[in-house]
Structures are given as structure tokens and as C-alpha cells.
Amino acid sequence: MERRTALKIFGIGIGGAVALGAGGLGTYYATARRDTVGSIDFDTALVIPPLAESSVSAAGARVFTLGIQAGETAFKPGPATRTWGVNGSYLGPTIRARRGEQVELAVHNGLDQETSLHWHGMHLPAAMDGGPHQPIAPGATWEPRWAVDQRAATLWYHPHVHGETADHTYRGLTGLFVIDDEDAEALNLPSTYGVDDVPMIVQDRAFDGDNQFTERIPLAGSLGVIGDEILVNGTLGPYFDVTTRLVRLRLLNASNARPYNFGFSDERTFSLIASDGGLLAGPWETDRLYLSPGERAEIVVAFEPGESIELRSYPSPEYGGALSGRLDGFEDRLDICRFRAADTLSDDAELPAALADAPDLAGATVAAERSFSLAANKINGLSMEMDRIDFGVREGTVEVWEVVNDNGYLHNFHVHDVQFQVLTVDGEQPPPHLSGWKDTVLLVPDRRYRLALHFTDHTDPDMPYMFHCHLLQHEDDGMMGQFVVLGEGEKVGTVPARHDHS
């Protein structure tokens, strides 16, 4: 971690760099913008992650077995790429569970170093969260269990090893965790997995001359690793054959640092129906959707028979003109996936005008207000320390957190355990894409985001949850803190001594 930090300070990418004079730097800047529109062959069918197999225990719990392993994956012609995966060589299966189910997982670490799996967006006990306090030693098995108690949503899982999250995630340890419930199923939205309900794990990667992943930080970049090729579900240049008029895309920005400004090549509109924590109150029609790392969105797109269009990432609306913005990919234009509609499309699903109840914390009694400033790889001037609990919140209460990005570079803000409501952005009503439940929010520099959080159920004075920037290099370099949820009469305790699962 120290080496990466030093290289970032001096603006030198991992893997080495050469000293550049003014002319060389100018050339580097001039060629930093990437545009792949029209240059992608789209000659590989989009891989659909398999649904994770499960069994039901004698006690009625749904049981999943996950194996973290090293392997090789053939992304392109030539040598296979050394990768990590879950129940396979790269990425992991899509886990599905229903609200109200008890889930149990057996997570075996088959690597030669410790790692972890964090259930991003899940409401669960802190000891089951899979954060930096729940490492899995090589050869060990971790067995978290909890009752699923939140609305239908697209969540995900990834490593959360202190100081190594970026590296472990970049190697391939990522998968979706989808929650279902009766309310969502009653809406007749597109819902056939892999047919009209399509997972899309979007990642950027850089390859060296031997087809191996390289963790390339742009010269003078501010975000961390930025790749120049786009994988969707581990597929380079993917196409998807559309057989229905309406298609639901579950978009996950699973990149370490790169944001995406999603839109279609013909500028068609689409409907945002869900954000991190589940369905919005109603669909929002738009032609652009900006997702920072860790954010998810569900969109519904309408197709016509026989047409072919591309999902694309357009230049960022917020940062494209800044020097570091170009170097960090904000001016890039990237083709992501081609959609090829059949000559005849079935039309069984629909898009209702009303989807779910809107978040309802704006009028709640507020037990406490807190302020968070993100700058210089610190939050409120502090770097993450594993044995420091920053504060405790009281179970059953609502708090309002005001969060600001104070140093001009891209940051976002993720909170473990809870889905929050964005109350205001700079004193104004949040834009439509922030109107639903969120667990990760982009922080535009110098704007103030007021978030309402309701802490329920799981109390533990000693085992903390995290709050942090989800640009993974920023997290690894210290832009993270931790809090505990306290029951009645409890006080902030002491983080227990390190315990490896065996």
C-alpha cells in the first residue's frame, strides 16, 4: 500500500514510468482521451453469470457454497489471463434469495493468501458483513448467516481486505447478490434471468503484452487503476441477442475507479426503475445515467424488431474539462455492449407507472447530525485505523449525515448495513436518479449531500461497520472509518483482537 501511495503522489503509474519533459507530458495529455466507438467487433456472446446453486437445510435456511480460487481465463487470443474467481476462474455466480429467508454461506478460501467477501448493500449483523474484520485465511472456510430483511434489490459481493481491496477486486472476485420479494414480482416487470432480465457487471481492465492484467494508474491520475478495455460479465466485445420488446438491465459499476455515463448509440431514452436499494417510486425516463464505482441501477429499455444498437459510456457531465479528468477517463467515449433484436419480439412484460413506496425519512425525528469531509485520502482528517471506532449510533434512531467532497477529485460515499435517503444536494431536492434508496452516492466536489439513515436491528458495541469512499485505491489508502450500532444502554466498545476464520 505504501508503494502505491508514493507512486500516486508523484503521478507515476504502477509498473513504472519514465521521466517526461514538458513536451512529453503534453503529448501524453493530448493522447489520454480514449474513443472506442466503431472499433469494437462485438463478436462474443455476452456471458450470463450462472445462478448460484443452493440447498435448504433441515432448519429451513437457504445454503450456498462458495469457493474462492485462482485460475486462468481466456479473454482474448493468445495466453490465458491469470485471474481469481468464485466457483470458477473469474467473477462469481449470481446469488438469489428472497426477503424473509434465512441464508447460510460456506465461503472457502482456496487462495494462498487471505481475502474476504463483503455483501455490499446488505442489511445484516456486523460480524457477518465480510468487511476488513472478517478475513478468511488460506484454506479456511467462513460461515456467515443472517435473515434477509430488505426490499427486492440488486446488491453485489466483493473482497474487503484492509489495504488490498483494490488488488483483490481487480483480479476478479465479484458477483451479484439479488434479493427478490412479492411486491416486486407482482409488477410484471421483465424478470426472466438472462433473457429479459440481464445482469451487466461492467469493469475496465488493462492487459499487458502477455494478456495479463496490469494495474495501470495514469500519469498524474487521481483515482487509481484505469483500464482501457471494457469487460461485461467478463466478456470483451459482447453482444446480446434480444428476444423481448422490453429488457431490464441490472447495471453494476464494478470498476475500481472508472465512472460510466451510460447511454445508447442512437440517443434513445430508457427508464430507470431501481437504484442501489431497490425500486424507485416510479420510472424515470432519461438518455444518460452516471454511475460511480459500487453503484447499481436497473433500467428498462424498449427495442424494435431487427434493430441493432450499442450501450455506450459517454464523457462525464461533471469533470470532463479538468486536467485530471481527461487523464482519469472522464472524457472517454466507450462502446460497451451491442444489442441485436430478433425479427420478432415477445411482449409479455410491462412498465407500470407506480413501482414502490418512496423513501420516507424526510419527516422523521432526527437523533443526531454528523458531518463528513472527504479529502486527501482521509475522512474528517483521519485515516482508517482498524482498532479505532469513530462513533456509535443508537439502534432504532434516524440520523442525518452531511457529506462533502472537499478536494476537487472524484470521490463517492458508501455506508455498510443501511440504505439511506438523499434528502438534499446543496439544499435542493435530489435529482430523480437519487430519489430512491441508496448505499453509495457520487460526491460532486464542493456540493453538500444530506443523507438520512435509519439504523435498525443488529447491535454490537464492539464489531464495527464501515463508511468509506468506494474508489478502491482511496479506500485502501485510508479514506475509510467505522461505526457501531448500539442497543439500549450500550456504549462504544473495543474492536476484538484479530480472528481468522478456520
Protein backbone atom coordinates (compact mmCIF):
# COMPACT_ATOMS: atom_id res chain seq x y z
CA MET A 1 0.00 0.00 0.00
CA GLU A 2 2.85 2.42 0.82
CA ARG A 3 4.39 1.95 -2.63
CA ARG A 4 1.09 2.66 -4.40
CA THR A 5 0.56 5.80 -2.33
CA ALA A 6 4.04 7.10 -3.12
CA LEU A 7 3.57 6.45 -6.82
CA LYS A 8 0.27 8.32 -6.80
CA ILE A 9 1.85 11.31 -5.09
CA PHE A 10 4.46 11.56 -7.82
CA GLY A 11 1.99 10.80 -10.59
CA ILE A 12 3.67 7.56 -11.66
CA GLY A 13 1.66 4.53 -12.70
CA ILE A 14 2.16 1.09 -11.17
CA GLY A 15 4.51 -0.86 -13.38
CA GLY A 16 6.90 2.08 -13.73
CA ALA A 17 7.14 5.25 -15.76
CA VAL A 18 9.76 7.38 -17.42
CA ALA A 19 10.55 10.98 -16.62
CA LEU A 20 8.72 13.23 -19.02
CA GLY A 21 9.66 16.73 -20.11
CA ALA A 22 7.08 19.37 -20.90
CA GLY A 23 6.74 18.16 -24.48
CA GLY A 24 6.32 14.55 -23.43
CA LEU A 25 3.71 15.45 -20.86
CA GLY A 26 1.82 17.47 -23.44
CA THR A 27 1.79 14.55 -25.83
CA TYR A 28 0.67 12.24 -23.02
CA TYR A 29 -2.21 14.56 -22.17
CA ALA A 30 -3.22 15.02 -25.78
CA THR A 31 -3.46 11.26 -26.35
CA ALA A 32 -5.04 10.40 -23.00
CA ARG A 33 -8.63 10.55 -24.26
CA ARG A 34 -9.87 7.12 -25.40
CA ASP A 35 -12.61 6.62 -28.00
CA THR A 36 -13.62 3.07 -28.98
CA VAL A 37 -16.83 3.94 -30.83
CA GLY A 38 -16.89 1.94 -34.06
CA SER A 39 -13.73 -0.01 -33.24
CA ILE A 40 -15.18 -2.88 -31.17
CA ASP A 41 -16.05 -6.03 -33.12
CA PHE A 42 -18.78 -7.24 -30.70
CA ASP A 43 -18.16 -10.81 -31.82
CA THR A 44 -18.63 -12.68 -28.50
CA ALA A 45 -21.95 -13.57 -26.92
CA LEU A 46 -22.42 -11.91 -23.54
CA VAL A 47 -21.69 -14.40 -20.79
CA ILE A 48 -24.51 -14.60 -18.24
CA PRO A 49 -23.20 -15.45 -14.75
CA PRO A 50 -24.82 -18.71 -13.57
CA LEU A 51 -27.24 -18.65 -10.68
CA ALA A 52 -25.58 -19.98 -7.55
CA GLU A 53 -26.80 -23.43 -6.58
CA SER A 54 -28.33 -23.75 -3.14
CA SER A 55 -29.92 -26.28 -0.83
CA VAL A 56 -32.34 -25.97 2.07
CA SER A 57 -31.13 -27.09 5.49
CA ALA A 58 -33.19 -29.08 7.97
CA ALA A 59 -33.87 -25.79 9.76
CA GLY A 60 -35.20 -24.23 6.56
CA ALA A 61 -32.21 -22.00 5.75
CA ARG A 62 -31.04 -21.50 2.17
CA VAL A 63 -27.43 -22.68 1.97
CA PHE A 64 -24.85 -21.56 -0.60
CA THR A 65 -21.33 -22.95 -1.01
CA LEU A 66 -18.75 -20.58 -2.48
CA GLY A 67 -15.15 -21.37 -3.34
CA ILE A 68 -12.65 -18.58 -3.88
CA GLN A 69 -9.96 -19.82 -6.26
CA ALA A 70 -7.15 -18.86 -8.60
CA GLY A 71 -7.32 -19.84 -12.24
CA GLU A 72 -6.86 -18.73 -15.82
CA THR A 73 -9.38 -17.08 -18.14
CA ALA A 74 -9.16 -16.70 -21.92
CA PHE A 75 -10.40 -13.16 -22.55
CA LYS A 76 -8.66 -12.76 -25.92
CA PRO A 77 -6.49 -14.76 -28.35
CA GLY A 78 -3.11 -15.76 -27.01
CA PRO A 79 -2.09 -16.64 -23.46
CA ALA A 80 -4.82 -17.03 -20.86
CA THR A 81 -5.00 -14.37 -18.13
CA ARG A 82 -4.24 -15.31 -14.52
CA THR A 83 -7.40 -14.49 -12.57
CA TRP A 84 -9.33 -15.11 -9.38
CA GLY A 85 -12.95 -16.15 -9.19
CA VAL A 86 -15.71 -17.63 -7.05
CA ASN A 87 -16.82 -21.13 -8.11
CA GLY A 88 -14.90 -20.52 -11.33
CA SER A 89 -11.85 -18.76 -12.74
CA TYR A 90 -13.31 -15.24 -12.98
CA LEU A 91 -16.21 -13.42 -11.25
CA GLY A 92 -18.75 -15.45 -9.32
CA PRO A 93 -22.29 -16.80 -9.61
CA THR A 94 -25.34 -14.62 -9.04
CA ILE A 95 -26.71 -15.39 -5.58
CA ARG A 96 -30.52 -15.05 -5.28
CA ALA A 97 -32.50 -15.12 -2.08
CA ARG A 98 -35.96 -13.96 -1.01
CA ARG A 99 -36.88 -11.46 1.62
CA GLY A 100 -37.68 -13.37 4.80
CA GLU A 101 -35.31 -16.25 4.09
CA GLN A 102 -32.52 -17.28 6.41
CA VAL A 103 -29.33 -17.62 4.36
CA GLU A 104 -26.18 -19.52 5.25
CA LEU A 105 -22.97 -19.41 3.23
CA ALA A 106 -19.85 -21.56 3.36
CA VAL A 107 -17.09 -19.42 1.84
CA HIS A 108 -13.86 -21.38 1.33
CA ASN A 109 -10.63 -19.55 0.57
CA GLY A 110 -8.61 -21.63 -1.87
CA LEU A 111 -6.00 -18.91 -2.43
CA ASP A 112 -2.52 -18.82 -0.94
CA GLN A 113 -3.29 -15.53 0.86
CA GLU A 114 -6.13 -14.25 3.00
CA THR A 115 -9.07 -12.49 1.42
CA SER A 116 -12.74 -11.84 2.22
CA LEU A 117 -16.18 -11.40 0.68
CA HIS A 118 -18.30 -8.39 1.66
CA TRP A 119 -22.04 -8.36 0.93
CA HIS A 120 -22.32 -4.82 -0.45
CA GLY A 121 -25.70 -3.21 0.26
CA MET A 122 -26.90 -5.92 2.64
CA HIS A 123 -28.58 -5.23 5.99
CA LEU A 124 -27.02 -7.79 8.33
CA PRO A 125 -25.06 -8.20 11.59
CA ALA A 126 -21.64 -6.54 11.56
CA ALA A 127 -19.89 -9.86 12.26
CA MET A 128 -21.41 -11.26 9.03
CA ASP A 129 -20.60 -8.22 6.86
CA GLY A 130 -17.38 -9.54 5.32
CA GLY A 131 -15.50 -6.32 5.91
CA PRO A 132 -11.87 -5.97 6.97
CA HIS A 133 -12.60 -7.55 10.36
CA GLN A 134 -13.73 -10.84 8.77
CA PRO A 135 -10.67 -12.07 6.82
CA ILE A 136 -10.62 -15.65 5.59
CA ALA A 137 -7.22 -17.32 5.96
CA PRO A 138 -5.82 -19.51 3.16
CA GLY A 139 -7.52 -22.89 3.28
CA ALA A 140 -10.14 -21.69 5.77
CA THR A 141 -13.94 -21.56 5.48
CA TRP A 142 -16.11 -18.70 6.76
CA GLU A 143 -19.77 -19.43 7.51
CA PRO A 144 -21.84 -16.22 7.78
CA ARG A 145 -25.60 -16.44 8.27
CA TRP A 146 -28.40 -13.92 8.58
CA ALA A 147 -32.08 -13.32 7.87
CA VAL A 148 -32.72 -11.38 4.65
CA ASP A 149 -34.86 -8.41 5.66
CA GLN A 150 -34.90 -5.73 2.97
CA ARG A 151 -36.79 -4.98 -0.19
CA ALA A 152 -36.01 -6.50 -3.60
CA ALA A 153 -32.75 -5.07 -4.93
CA THR A 154 -29.59 -5.71 -6.93
CA LEU A 155 -26.71 -5.99 -4.46
CA TRP A 156 -23.22 -7.41 -5.01
CA TYR A 157 -20.24 -9.02 -3.29
CA HIS A 158 -16.52 -8.35 -3.47
CA PRO A 159 -13.39 -8.54 -1.27
CA HIS A 160 -12.87 -6.01 1.52
CA VAL A 161 -9.37 -6.79 2.80
CA HIS A 162 -7.82 -3.83 4.60
CA GLY A 163 -5.29 -2.21 2.28
CA GLU A 164 -5.77 -4.80 -0.50
CA THR A 165 -9.39 -4.39 -1.64
CA ALA A 166 -8.43 -2.79 -4.96
CA ASP A 167 -5.98 -5.53 -5.93
CA HIS A 168 -8.22 -8.45 -4.92
CA THR A 169 -11.24 -6.99 -6.70
CA TYR A 170 -9.24 -6.24 -9.84
CA ARG A 171 -8.19 -9.89 -10.05
CA GLY A 172 -11.85 -10.91 -10.42
CA LEU A 173 -13.61 -11.55 -7.10
CA THR A 174 -17.00 -10.01 -7.88
CA GLY A 175 -20.59 -11.22 -8.21
CA LEU A 176 -24.21 -10.11 -7.91
CA PHE A 177 -26.49 -10.82 -4.94
CA VAL A 178 -30.13 -10.35 -5.97
CA ILE A 179 -32.95 -10.10 -3.44
CA ASP A 180 -36.49 -10.93 -4.54
CA ASP A 181 -39.80 -10.15 -2.87
CA GLU A 182 -43.52 -10.50 -3.57
CA ASP A 183 -44.11 -6.78 -4.16
CA ALA A 184 -41.57 -6.60 -6.98
CA GLU A 185 -42.75 -9.86 -8.52
CA ALA A 186 -46.35 -8.59 -8.67
CA LEU A 187 -45.38 -5.78 -11.06
CA ASN A 188 -44.89 -7.90 -14.21
CA LEU A 189 -41.57 -6.24 -14.96
CA PRO A 190 -39.11 -8.12 -17.19
CA SER A 191 -37.93 -10.89 -14.87
CA THR A 192 -36.61 -13.95 -16.74
CA TYR A 193 -32.96 -14.14 -15.76
CA GLY A 194 -30.61 -13.95 -18.71
CA VAL A 195 -33.47 -13.41 -21.20
CA ASP A 196 -35.23 -10.12 -20.45
CA ASP A 197 -33.65 -9.55 -17.02
CA VAL A 198 -29.95 -9.24 -17.80
CA PRO A 199 -27.08 -8.81 -15.32
CA MET A 200 -24.32 -6.48 -16.53
CA ILE A 201 -21.16 -6.34 -14.40
CA VAL A 202 -19.18 -3.56 -16.08
CA GLN A 203 -15.41 -3.38 -15.44
CA ASP A 204 -12.43 -1.74 -17.07
CA ARG A 205 -9.16 -3.67 -17.34
CA ALA A 206 -5.72 -3.12 -18.80
CA PHE A 207 -3.76 -6.02 -20.31
CA ASP A 208 -0.02 -6.28 -20.86
CA GLY A 209 1.63 -7.87 -23.91
CA ASP A 210 1.13 -11.35 -22.44
CA ASN A 211 -2.61 -10.80 -21.80
CA GLN A 212 -2.08 -10.39 -18.04
CA PHE A 213 -3.98 -7.80 -16.03
CA THR A 214 -1.85 -4.77 -15.25
CA GLU A 215 -2.81 -2.28 -12.55
CA ARG A 216 -2.18 0.85 -14.57
CA ILE A 217 -2.56 4.20 -12.81
CA PRO A 218 -2.49 7.09 -15.31
CA LEU A 219 0.40 9.50 -15.02
CA ALA A 220 -0.86 12.33 -12.75
CA GLY A 221 -4.18 10.49 -12.33
CA SER A 222 -6.18 10.91 -9.12
CA LEU A 223 -8.45 7.86 -8.92
CA GLY A 224 -6.38 4.70 -9.07
CA VAL A 225 -6.29 1.99 -11.71
CA ILE A 226 -7.92 2.91 -15.03
CA GLY A 227 -8.18 0.25 -17.73
CA ASP A 228 -8.50 0.83 -21.46
CA GLU A 229 -10.70 -2.18 -22.29
CA ILE A 230 -14.21 -2.91 -21.03
CA LEU A 231 -15.45 -6.27 -19.79
CA VAL A 232 -19.13 -7.04 -19.26
CA ASN A 233 -19.66 -10.17 -17.16
CA GLY A 234 -16.06 -11.00 -18.06
CA THR A 235 -16.73 -10.68 -21.82
CA LEU A 236 -14.73 -8.45 -24.18
CA GLY A 237 -16.70 -7.05 -27.11
CA PRO A 238 -20.02 -8.65 -26.08
CA TYR A 239 -23.28 -8.82 -27.95
CA PHE A 240 -26.67 -9.79 -26.52
CA ASP A 241 -29.49 -11.24 -28.62
CA VAL A 242 -32.76 -9.55 -27.67
CA THR A 243 -35.93 -11.64 -27.91
CA THR A 244 -38.39 -9.41 -26.00
CA ARG A 245 -39.62 -5.86 -26.57
CA LEU A 246 -38.71 -4.75 -23.04
CA VAL A 247 -35.38 -5.68 -21.47
CA ARG A 248 -34.33 -4.98 -17.90
CA LEU A 249 -30.60 -4.37 -17.43
CA ARG A 250 -29.12 -4.70 -13.94
CA LEU A 251 -26.09 -2.42 -14.26
CA LEU A 252 -23.24 -2.65 -11.77
CA ASN A 253 -20.21 -0.38 -11.95
CA ALA A 254 -17.71 -2.92 -10.66
CA SER A 255 -14.65 -0.95 -11.74
CA ASN A 256 -12.07 0.07 -9.18
CA ALA A 257 -12.11 3.73 -10.16
CA ARG A 258 -13.69 4.48 -13.56
CA PRO A 259 -17.16 6.10 -13.63
CA TYR A 260 -19.56 5.41 -16.52
CA ASN A 261 -22.06 7.75 -18.14
CA PHE A 262 -24.37 5.19 -19.73
CA GLY A 263 -26.44 5.90 -22.82
CA PHE A 264 -27.29 4.30 -26.14
CA SER A 265 -25.70 4.88 -29.54
CA ASP A 266 -28.94 6.20 -31.09
CA GLU A 267 -29.64 8.51 -28.10
CA ARG A 268 -32.86 6.66 -27.25
CA THR A 269 -34.37 7.15 -23.85
CA PHE A 270 -34.73 4.40 -21.28
CA SER A 271 -36.41 4.11 -17.89
CA LEU A 272 -34.53 3.99 -14.60
CA ILE A 273 -36.62 1.77 -12.31
CA ALA A 274 -34.28 0.99 -9.40
CA SER A 275 -31.15 2.22 -7.68
CA ASP A 276 -28.87 0.60 -5.08
CA GLY A 277 -31.58 -0.26 -2.57
CA GLY A 278 -34.41 -1.28 -4.88
CA LEU A 279 -37.29 0.11 -6.93
CA LEU A 280 -37.98 3.82 -7.27
CA ALA A 281 -41.46 5.21 -6.66
CA GLY A 282 -41.92 5.34 -10.43
CA PRO A 283 -39.85 5.06 -13.62
CA TRP A 284 -37.64 7.99 -14.61
CA GLU A 285 -37.12 8.46 -18.34
CA THR A 286 -33.66 9.63 -19.35
CA ASP A 287 -30.98 9.20 -22.01
CA ARG A 288 -27.98 9.23 -19.62
CA LEU A 289 -27.19 7.52 -16.34
CA TYR A 290 -23.99 8.26 -14.43
CA LEU A 291 -22.72 5.53 -12.10
CA SER A 292 -19.62 5.76 -9.91
CA PRO A 293 -17.83 2.62 -8.66
CA GLY A 294 -20.05 0.45 -6.47
CA GLU A 295 -23.36 1.95 -7.61
CA ARG A 296 -26.08 -0.16 -9.22
CA ALA A 297 -29.10 0.70 -11.34
CA GLU A 298 -31.88 -1.21 -13.03
CA ILE A 299 -33.08 0.22 -16.33
CA VAL A 300 -35.77 -0.91 -18.77
CA VAL A 301 -35.07 -0.45 -22.48
CA ALA A 302 -37.59 -0.89 -25.32
CA PHE A 303 -36.41 -2.49 -28.58
CA GLU A 304 -37.86 -2.72 -32.07
CA PRO A 305 -37.68 -5.92 -34.17
CA GLY A 306 -34.50 -6.31 -36.19
CA GLU A 307 -32.57 -3.33 -34.84
CA SER A 308 -29.02 -3.24 -33.52
CA ILE A 309 -27.74 -0.62 -31.06
CA GLU A 310 -24.85 -0.23 -28.64
CA LEU A 311 -24.77 0.57 -24.96
CA ARG A 312 -22.08 3.22 -24.57
CA SER A 313 -20.34 5.27 -21.92
CA TYR A 314 -20.22 8.96 -22.79
CA PRO A 315 -17.93 11.67 -21.40
CA SER A 316 -18.67 12.71 -17.86
CA PRO A 317 -21.02 15.69 -17.40
CA GLU A 318 -19.18 16.83 -14.28
CA TYR A 319 -15.44 16.50 -14.78
CA GLY A 320 -14.64 16.26 -18.49
CA GLY A 321 -12.89 19.60 -18.73
CA ALA A 322 -10.44 19.22 -15.85
CA LEU A 323 -6.82 18.18 -16.41
CA SER A 324 -7.05 15.17 -14.12
CA GLY A 325 -10.47 14.37 -15.59
CA ARG A 326 -9.03 13.61 -19.01
CA LEU A 327 -6.21 11.54 -17.52
CA ASP A 328 -8.68 9.57 -15.37
CA GLY A 329 -11.03 8.77 -18.26
CA PHE A 330 -13.79 11.35 -17.82
CA GLU A 331 -13.55 12.37 -21.48
CA ASP A 332 -13.52 8.80 -22.81
CA ARG A 333 -16.23 7.50 -25.14
CA LEU A 334 -16.51 3.74 -24.86
CA ASP A 335 -18.67 1.16 -26.62
CA ILE A 336 -19.74 -1.44 -24.06
CA CYS A 337 -22.24 -3.96 -25.49
CA ARG A 338 -24.23 -4.45 -28.70
CA PHE A 339 -27.91 -5.43 -28.52
CA ARG A 340 -29.23 -7.34 -31.55
CA ALA A 341 -33.01 -7.58 -31.67
CA ALA A 342 -34.68 -10.57 -33.31
CA ASP A 343 -37.12 -10.08 -36.17
CA THR A 344 -39.98 -10.99 -33.85
CA LEU A 345 -40.10 -9.90 -30.20
CA SER A 346 -42.38 -11.22 -27.49
CA ASP A 347 -44.21 -8.61 -25.44
CA ASP A 348 -45.34 -10.10 -22.14
CA ALA A 349 -43.80 -7.71 -19.60
CA GLU A 350 -44.82 -4.13 -18.87
CA LEU A 351 -43.56 -0.95 -17.24
CA PRO A 352 -46.07 0.27 -14.66
CA ALA A 353 -46.33 3.93 -13.69
CA ALA A 354 -46.04 3.14 -9.98
CA LEU A 355 -43.32 0.82 -8.67
CA ALA A 356 -42.80 1.08 -4.91
CA ASP A 357 -43.17 3.33 -1.89
CA ALA A 358 -40.77 6.27 -1.92
CA PRO A 359 -38.19 6.67 0.87
CA ASP A 360 -39.89 8.17 3.90
CA LEU A 361 -37.22 9.54 6.26
CA ALA A 362 -37.53 13.25 5.40
CA GLY A 363 -40.02 13.90 8.19
CA ALA A 364 -38.51 11.56 10.79
CA THR A 365 -37.30 12.68 14.20
CA VAL A 366 -33.53 13.10 13.92
CA ALA A 367 -31.50 11.75 16.84
CA ALA A 368 -28.15 13.19 15.70
CA GLU A 369 -26.48 15.04 12.85
CA ARG A 370 -22.92 14.35 11.71
CA SER A 371 -20.60 15.93 9.15
CA PHE A 372 -18.08 14.14 6.94
CA SER A 373 -15.41 15.79 4.79
CA LEU A 374 -13.54 13.64 2.25
CA ALA A 375 -10.12 14.96 1.22
CA ALA A 376 -6.51 13.76 0.86
CA ASN A 377 -7.33 10.08 1.43
CA LYS A 378 -8.87 10.93 4.81
CA ILE A 379 -12.34 11.46 6.25
CA ASN A 380 -12.57 14.37 8.69
CA GLY A 381 -8.78 14.50 8.66
CA LEU A 382 -8.39 10.91 9.86
CA SER A 383 -7.04 7.84 8.10
CA MET A 384 -8.59 4.44 8.76
CA GLU A 385 -7.30 2.55 11.78
CA MET A 386 -8.59 -0.96 12.40
CA ASP A 387 -8.78 -0.58 16.19
CA ARG A 388 -10.45 2.86 16.23
CA ILE A 389 -14.24 3.06 16.36
CA ASP A 390 -15.14 6.58 15.23
CA PHE A 391 -18.59 6.75 16.81
CA GLY A 392 -21.68 4.79 17.80
CA VAL A 393 -25.25 5.19 16.58
CA ARG A 394 -28.30 4.15 18.55
CA GLU A 395 -30.46 1.31 17.21
CA GLY A 396 -33.96 2.41 16.23
CA THR A 397 -32.98 6.03 15.52
CA VAL A 398 -32.62 8.18 12.41
CA GLU A 399 -29.52 10.29 11.85
CA VAL A 400 -28.70 12.88 9.19
CA TRP A 401 -25.17 12.84 7.80
CA GLU A 402 -23.90 15.77 5.74
CA VAL A 403 -21.12 14.66 3.40
CA VAL A 404 -18.89 16.86 1.25
CA ASN A 405 -16.02 16.17 -1.15
CA ASP A 406 -13.53 18.91 -0.26
CA ASN A 407 -10.52 18.36 -2.52
CA GLY A 408 -11.78 18.59 -6.10
CA TYR A 409 -11.11 14.99 -7.13
CA LEU A 410 -13.75 12.34 -7.65
CA HIS A 411 -14.98 10.58 -4.51
CA ASN A 412 -18.13 8.77 -3.55
CA PHE A 413 -19.50 7.65 -0.20
CA HIS A 414 -20.64 4.15 0.79
CA VAL A 415 -22.14 3.11 4.12
CA HIS A 416 -22.36 -0.51 5.23
CA ASP A 417 -25.54 -2.08 6.69
CA VAL A 418 -28.05 0.65 5.78
CA GLN A 419 -29.74 2.03 2.71
CA PHE A 420 -30.05 5.81 3.03
CA GLN A 421 -32.26 8.53 1.61
CA VAL A 422 -30.63 11.52 -0.09
CA LEU A 423 -32.54 14.44 1.42
CA THR A 424 -30.90 17.35 -0.40
CA VAL A 425 -27.94 18.24 -2.61
CA ASP A 426 -26.73 21.76 -1.83
CA GLY A 427 -30.07 22.47 -0.20
CA GLU A 428 -32.10 21.42 -3.25
CA GLN A 429 -34.22 18.35 -3.87
CA PRO A 430 -32.06 15.48 -5.17
CA PRO A 431 -32.21 14.70 -8.89
CA PRO A 432 -34.51 11.83 -9.91
CA HIS A 433 -31.75 9.20 -10.04
CA LEU A 434 -31.04 9.88 -6.34
CA SER A 435 -34.68 9.76 -5.27
CA GLY A 436 -34.65 6.09 -4.21
CA TRP A 437 -32.80 4.13 -1.54
CA LYS A 438 -29.02 4.32 -1.90
CA ASP A 439 -25.95 2.86 -0.22
CA THR A 440 -23.36 4.58 -2.44
CA VAL A 441 -23.55 8.15 -3.71
CA LEU A 442 -21.29 10.14 -6.03
CA LEU A 443 -19.91 13.27 -4.35
CA VAL A 444 -19.57 16.10 -6.85
CA PRO A 445 -16.81 18.35 -5.45
CA ASP A 446 -17.95 21.07 -3.05
CA ARG A 447 -21.63 20.07 -3.08
CA ARG A 448 -23.20 19.11 0.24
CA TYR A 449 -25.20 15.89 0.41
CA ARG A 450 -27.56 15.40 3.33
CA LEU A 451 -28.31 11.71 3.90
CA ALA A 452 -30.94 10.25 6.25
CA LEU A 453 -30.10 6.84 7.74
CA HIS A 454 -32.34 4.63 9.87
CA PHE A 455 -30.38 2.16 12.00
CA THR A 456 -32.35 -0.97 12.89
CA ASP A 457 -32.00 -4.47 14.29
CA HIS A 458 -28.37 -5.50 14.54
CA THR A 459 -26.45 -4.16 17.53
CA ASP A 460 -22.87 -4.85 18.55
CA PRO A 461 -20.79 -2.34 20.57
CA ASP A 462 -17.50 -3.98 19.55
CA MET A 463 -17.83 -5.03 15.90
CA PRO A 464 -17.96 -2.06 13.50
CA TYR A 465 -19.43 -1.34 10.10
CA MET A 466 -17.51 0.76 7.54
CA PHE A 467 -18.13 4.07 5.80
CA HIS A 468 -15.72 4.95 3.01
CA CYS A 469 -15.00 6.16 -0.49
CA HIS A 470 -15.71 3.32 -2.93
CA LEU A 471 -12.93 4.29 -5.30
CA LEU A 472 -10.94 1.34 -4.08
CA GLN A 473 -7.48 2.87 -4.11
CA HIS A 474 -8.79 5.75 -1.98
CA GLU A 475 -10.30 3.24 0.44
CA ASP A 476 -7.07 1.25 0.63
CA ASP A 477 -5.06 4.42 1.21
CA GLY A 478 -7.14 5.32 4.27
CA MET A 479 -10.35 7.09 3.19
CA MET A 480 -12.49 4.95 5.49
CA GLY A 481 -13.88 4.99 9.01
CA GLN A 482 -16.03 2.74 11.17
CA PHE A 483 -19.04 2.93 13.46
CA VAL A 484 -21.02 0.59 15.70
CA VAL A 485 -24.76 0.23 16.27
CA LEU A 486 -25.62 0.34 19.97
CA GLY A 487 -28.53 -1.21 21.83
CA GLU A 488 -30.23 0.49 24.75
CA GLY A 489 -27.71 1.31 27.47
CA GLU A 490 -24.69 0.14 25.44
CA LYS A 491 -21.57 2.23 24.95
CA VAL A 492 -18.94 2.11 22.23
CA GLY A 493 -16.73 -0.87 22.96
CA THR A 494 -13.40 -2.21 21.75
CA VAL A 495 -12.70 -3.89 18.43
CA PRO A 496 -11.88 -7.53 19.24
CA ALA A 497 -8.46 -8.95 18.59
CA ARG A 498 -7.96 -10.24 15.05
CA HIS A 499 -9.62 -13.59 14.42
CA ASP A 500 -9.01 -15.63 11.28
CA HIS A 501 -11.79 -17.99 10.22
CA SER A 502 -10.61 -21.58 10.12
